[in-house]
Protein backbone atom coordinates (compact mmCIF):
# COMPACT_ATOMS: atom_id res chain seq x y z
CA UNK A 1 13.81 29.74 -6.29
CA UNK A 2 14.31 27.62 -2.84
CA UNK A 3 15.90 24.82 -1.34
CA UNK A 4 14.88 22.43 -4.53
CA UNK A 5 16.40 24.74 -7.00
CA UNK A 6 19.40 25.54 -5.07
CA UNK A 7 20.07 21.74 -4.20
CA UNK A 8 19.75 20.74 -8.24
CA UNK A 9 21.94 23.30 -9.40
CA UNK A 10 24.52 22.29 -6.80
CA UNK A 11 23.99 18.82 -8.13
CA UNK A 12 24.47 19.98 -11.62
CA UNK A 13 27.33 21.59 -11.35
CA UNK A 14 29.32 18.25 -9.58
CA UNK A 15 31.07 15.43 -11.91
CA UNK A 16 28.02 12.78 -13.09
CA UNK A 17 28.59 9.34 -12.79
CA UNK A 18 29.22 7.45 -15.71
CA UNK A 19 26.67 6.40 -18.56
CA UNK A 20 27.13 2.51 -17.34
CA UNK A 21 26.66 3.33 -13.77
CA UNK A 22 23.41 5.57 -14.34
CA UNK A 23 22.46 2.09 -16.61
CA UNK A 24 23.37 -0.22 -13.95
CA UNK A 25 21.16 1.61 -11.28
CA UNK A 26 18.27 1.90 -13.34
CA UNK A 27 18.17 -1.50 -14.09
CA UNK A 28 18.21 -2.58 -10.66
CA UNK A 29 15.09 -0.20 -9.83
CA UNK A 30 13.15 -1.96 -12.79
CA UNK A 31 14.11 -5.58 -11.80
CA UNK A 32 12.75 -4.72 -7.99
CA UNK A 33 9.74 -2.89 -9.57
CA UNK A 34 8.99 -5.57 -11.85
CA UNK A 35 9.15 -8.19 -9.04
CA UNK A 36 7.16 -6.17 -6.80
CA UNK A 37 4.03 -5.61 -9.16
CA UNK A 38 4.66 -7.25 -12.78
CA UNK A 39 6.28 -6.74 -16.07
CA UNK A 40 3.55 -4.73 -17.38
CA UNK A 41 4.14 -1.25 -17.52
CA UNK A 42 -0.09 -0.42 -17.56
CA UNK A 43 -0.40 -2.12 -14.47
CA UNK A 44 2.76 -1.19 -12.56
CA UNK A 45 3.24 2.75 -12.34
CA UNK A 46 6.69 2.58 -11.40
CA UNK A 47 7.64 0.38 -14.10
CA UNK A 48 6.17 2.48 -16.49
CA UNK A 49 8.22 5.96 -14.74
CA UNK A 50 11.19 3.96 -14.47
CA UNK A 51 11.15 3.31 -18.60
CA UNK A 52 10.35 6.84 -18.81
CA UNK A 53 13.91 7.62 -17.20
CA UNK A 54 15.54 5.24 -18.75
CA UNK A 55 14.57 6.76 -22.57
CA UNK A 56 15.64 10.14 -21.17
CA UNK A 57 19.48 8.48 -19.65
CA UNK A 58 19.32 7.08 -23.61
CA UNK A 59 19.41 3.71 -22.20
CA UNK A 60 19.15 1.39 -25.06
CA UNK A 61 15.60 -0.74 -25.26
CA UNK A 62 17.11 -3.91 -25.54
CA UNK A 63 18.60 -2.93 -22.17
CA UNK A 64 15.19 -2.35 -20.88
CA UNK A 65 13.67 -5.75 -22.17
CA UNK A 66 16.25 -7.63 -20.75
CA UNK A 67 15.89 -6.06 -17.62
CA UNK A 68 12.72 -6.91 -17.75
CA UNK A 69 13.12 -10.19 -18.37
CA UNK A 70 16.07 -10.96 -15.78
CA UNK A 71 13.36 -10.09 -13.17
CA UNK A 72 10.66 -12.62 -14.45
CA UNK A 73 13.46 -14.97 -14.17
CA UNK A 74 13.73 -17.56 -11.08
CA UNK A 75 17.59 -17.42 -11.24
CA UNK A 76 17.17 -13.76 -10.63
CA UNK A 77 18.25 -12.73 -7.38
CA UNK A 78 16.05 -10.48 -5.01
CA UNK A 79 18.12 -7.05 -4.37
CA UNK A 80 16.87 -5.25 -0.82
CA UNK A 81 16.95 -2.18 -0.71
CA UNK A 82 18.75 -0.80 2.39
CA UNK A 83 19.95 3.15 3.69
CA UNK A 84 23.55 3.19 5.53
CA UNK A 85 24.18 6.69 7.21
CA UNK A 86 27.56 8.26 8.54
CA UNK A 87 29.77 10.92 9.01
CA UNK A 88 32.50 11.76 6.80
CA UNK A 89 35.32 14.37 7.15
CA UNK A 90 34.51 17.46 9.03
CA UNK A 91 31.45 16.63 10.32
CA UNK A 92 29.52 16.41 6.83
CA UNK A 93 26.79 14.08 7.29
CA UNK A 94 26.11 11.43 4.70
CA UNK A 95 23.04 9.25 3.34
CA UNK A 96 23.49 6.05 1.16
CA UNK A 97 20.89 4.64 -0.78
CA UNK A 98 21.97 1.26 -1.39
CA UNK A 99 20.13 -1.94 -3.95
CA UNK A 100 21.61 -5.17 -2.80
CA UNK A 101 21.61 -9.09 -2.96
CA UNK A 102 23.94 -9.50 -0.21
CA UNK A 103 23.80 -7.11 2.60
CA UNK A 104 26.87 -8.11 4.40
CA UNK A 105 29.00 -7.49 1.54
CA UNK A 106 27.09 -4.24 1.28
CA UNK A 107 27.45 -3.32 4.69
CA UNK A 108 31.21 -4.26 5.09
CA UNK A 109 32.06 -2.40 1.96
CA UNK A 110 30.47 1.19 3.09
CA UNK A 111 31.93 0.98 6.20
CA UNK A 112 35.49 0.37 4.60
CA UNK A 113 34.82 3.53 2.48
CA UNK A 114 34.02 5.71 5.57
CA UNK A 115 37.12 4.05 7.56
CA UNK A 116 39.73 4.76 4.89
CA UNK A 117 38.06 8.24 4.62
CA UNK A 118 38.42 9.41 8.41
CA UNK A 119 34.47 9.26 8.63
CA UNK A 120 32.35 6.96 10.74
CA UNK A 121 29.51 4.75 9.75
CA UNK A 122 26.72 5.59 12.23
CA UNK A 123 23.61 3.67 13.72
CA UNK A 124 20.17 4.15 11.58
CA UNK A 125 18.40 7.14 11.82
CA UNK A 126 21.69 8.91 12.32
CA UNK A 127 21.65 11.67 10.19
CA UNK A 128 18.67 10.62 8.13
CA UNK A 129 16.60 13.36 10.08
CA UNK A 130 18.65 15.81 8.14
CA UNK A 131 17.19 15.65 5.13
CA UNK A 132 13.93 16.10 3.72
CA UNK A 133 12.78 13.42 1.19
CA UNK A 134 10.99 14.69 -2.14
CA UNK A 135 9.80 13.62 -4.99
CA UNK A 136 10.32 14.78 -8.32
CA UNK A 137 9.11 15.56 -11.73
CA UNK A 138 10.86 16.43 -15.24
CA UNK A 139 8.70 17.78 -18.47
CA UNK A 140 9.41 19.61 -21.45
CA UNK A 141 7.67 22.77 -21.13
CA UNK A 142 6.80 23.89 -24.18
CA UNK A 143 3.87 26.29 -24.67
CA UNK A 144 2.73 25.79 -21.02
CA UNK A 145 2.17 29.28 -18.74
CA UNK A 146 4.03 28.21 -15.75
CA UNK A 147 2.58 30.35 -13.77
CA UNK A 148 -0.71 29.31 -14.56
CA UNK A 149 0.10 25.72 -14.09
CA UNK A 150 1.79 26.65 -10.68
CA UNK A 151 -1.24 27.89 -9.13
CA UNK A 152 -3.10 24.48 -10.76
CA UNK A 153 -0.49 22.13 -8.95
CA UNK A 154 -0.50 23.49 -5.78
CA UNK A 155 -3.64 21.45 -5.05
CA UNK A 156 -1.76 18.16 -5.26
CA UNK A 157 0.92 19.27 -2.70
CA UNK A 158 3.74 21.12 -5.25
CA UNK A 159 6.09 22.91 -3.19
CA UNK A 160 8.47 24.43 -5.89
CA UNK A 161 8.50 24.73 -9.59
CA UNK A 162 10.92 25.99 -12.40
CA UNK A 163 12.53 26.40 -15.36
CA UNK A 164 15.88 24.79 -16.36
CA UNK A 165 17.50 24.47 -19.69
CA UNK A 166 18.57 21.55 -21.06
CA UNK A 167 21.53 22.55 -23.08
CA UNK A 168 22.51 18.30 -24.18
CA UNK A 169 18.82 17.81 -25.54
CA UNK A 170 18.47 21.90 -26.62
CA UNK A 171 15.18 22.05 -24.16
CA UNK A 172 13.35 23.87 -21.73
CA UNK A 173 12.20 22.02 -19.14
CA UNK A 174 10.21 22.40 -16.15
CA UNK A 175 11.09 20.88 -12.29
CA UNK A 176 8.38 20.17 -9.71
CA UNK A 177 9.60 19.29 -5.88
CA UNK A 178 6.55 17.73 -3.54
CA UNK A 179 6.83 15.74 -0.63
CA UNK A 180 7.61 12.16 -0.86
CA UNK A 181 4.05 10.60 -0.28
CA UNK A 182 2.57 12.67 -3.41
CA UNK A 183 4.62 11.02 -6.18
CA UNK A 184 1.10 9.11 -7.18
CA UNK A 185 -1.10 11.96 -6.78
CA UNK A 186 0.56 14.00 -8.95
CA UNK A 187 2.19 11.34 -11.35
CA UNK A 188 -1.73 11.06 -11.97
CA UNK A 189 -2.33 14.44 -12.26
CA UNK A 190 0.19 15.21 -14.79
CA UNK A 191 -1.13 12.46 -17.03
CA UNK A 192 -4.76 13.46 -16.55
CA UNK A 193 -3.50 16.95 -18.10
CA UNK A 194 -1.96 14.93 -21.04
CA UNK A 195 1.78 16.02 -20.27
CA UNK A 196 4.67 13.40 -20.77
CA UNK A 197 6.89 12.74 -17.87
CA UNK A 198 10.10 12.61 -19.16
CA UNK A 199 11.73 12.08 -15.58
CA UNK A 200 10.51 11.29 -12.44
CA UNK A 201 12.05 9.89 -8.89
CA UNK A 202 13.00 10.74 -5.48
CA UNK A 203 15.62 13.05 -3.84
CA UNK A 204 16.81 13.85 -0.14
CA UNK A 205 17.68 17.81 -0.26
CA UNK A 206 19.63 18.60 3.24
CA UNK A 207 17.62 20.98 5.68
CA UNK A 208 21.35 22.73 6.08
CA UNK A 209 24.57 22.68 4.55
CA UNK A 210 28.03 23.06 6.04
CA UNK A 211 30.51 25.07 3.60
CA UNK A 212 34.02 23.45 4.00
CA UNK A 213 37.63 24.74 2.21
CA UNK A 214 38.90 23.49 -1.22
CA UNK A 215 40.99 21.38 1.08
CA UNK A 216 37.91 19.71 3.30
CA UNK A 217 35.98 19.42 -0.01
CA UNK A 218 38.59 17.52 -1.71
CA UNK A 219 38.67 15.15 1.06
CA UNK A 220 34.56 14.47 1.33
CA UNK A 221 34.73 14.43 -2.55
CA UNK A 222 37.16 11.37 -2.32
CA UNK A 223 34.41 9.56 0.22
CA UNK A 224 31.63 10.21 -2.09
CA UNK A 225 33.47 9.21 -5.15
CA UNK A 226 34.41 5.61 -3.50
CA UNK A 227 30.74 5.22 -2.36
CA UNK A 228 29.15 6.26 -5.99
CA UNK A 229 31.74 3.74 -7.71
CA UNK A 230 30.27 0.83 -5.45
CA UNK A 231 27.74 -1.20 -8.14
CA UNK A 232 25.61 -1.81 -4.86
CA UNK A 233 25.05 1.81 -4.33
CA UNK A 234 22.48 3.63 -5.93
CA UNK A 235 22.71 7.09 -4.43
CA UNK A 236 24.65 9.35 -2.24
CA UNK A 237 23.53 12.51 -0.25
CA UNK A 238 25.31 14.79 2.04
CA UNK A 239 25.11 18.63 3.54
CA UNK A 240 28.63 19.43 2.49
CA UNK A 241 27.68 23.07 0.64
CA UNK A 242 27.96 23.33 -3.44
């Protein structure tokens, strides 16, 4: 299938964050999008995409409206996106995406998690090169001919298209992966085709992974859990296989 498919399959087998954490992450993304380009989804394509993501995550509509209202308030602090890089136990590269209103607090917390779990926080660029940054799109398949659709989307830079089934919602889905820079062009192309995007965003896919024993995996998982539980952390990526 390809690297994106295998990566997504491995991620789905892991324990996902709590619903509250998912809502917190989307709320911060909405606030940053509104502060950058305004509260109208018609004029703010990033906000429009995030509102779709909120629906896909079953986030209540009032939560979304409250986030947009918060972003427009003068009292709402600005969030800054920061990326931290380092190594966990057994040489596993770890990349942490954050959204914070206090970088001193965030870097201090992230460093402490690495130190407590036999890892070390590195400098900017120390592990980022080990990951491909991709954009992704999730859509309901419906009656779409996947082979024909894939052929049409190649011109827009799409690298990988595959099907998967959402057991919770009982839907057959289509996943698209492409280079990070192609997000806008692919969004426009899908909208022009009249396709409903259920979820979209960005992921960092490891170019190579390292296989560990179960005991070693548990040590790395401990670090990942501590990072994911932090309110400032938006996403954690690593090079551990499986």
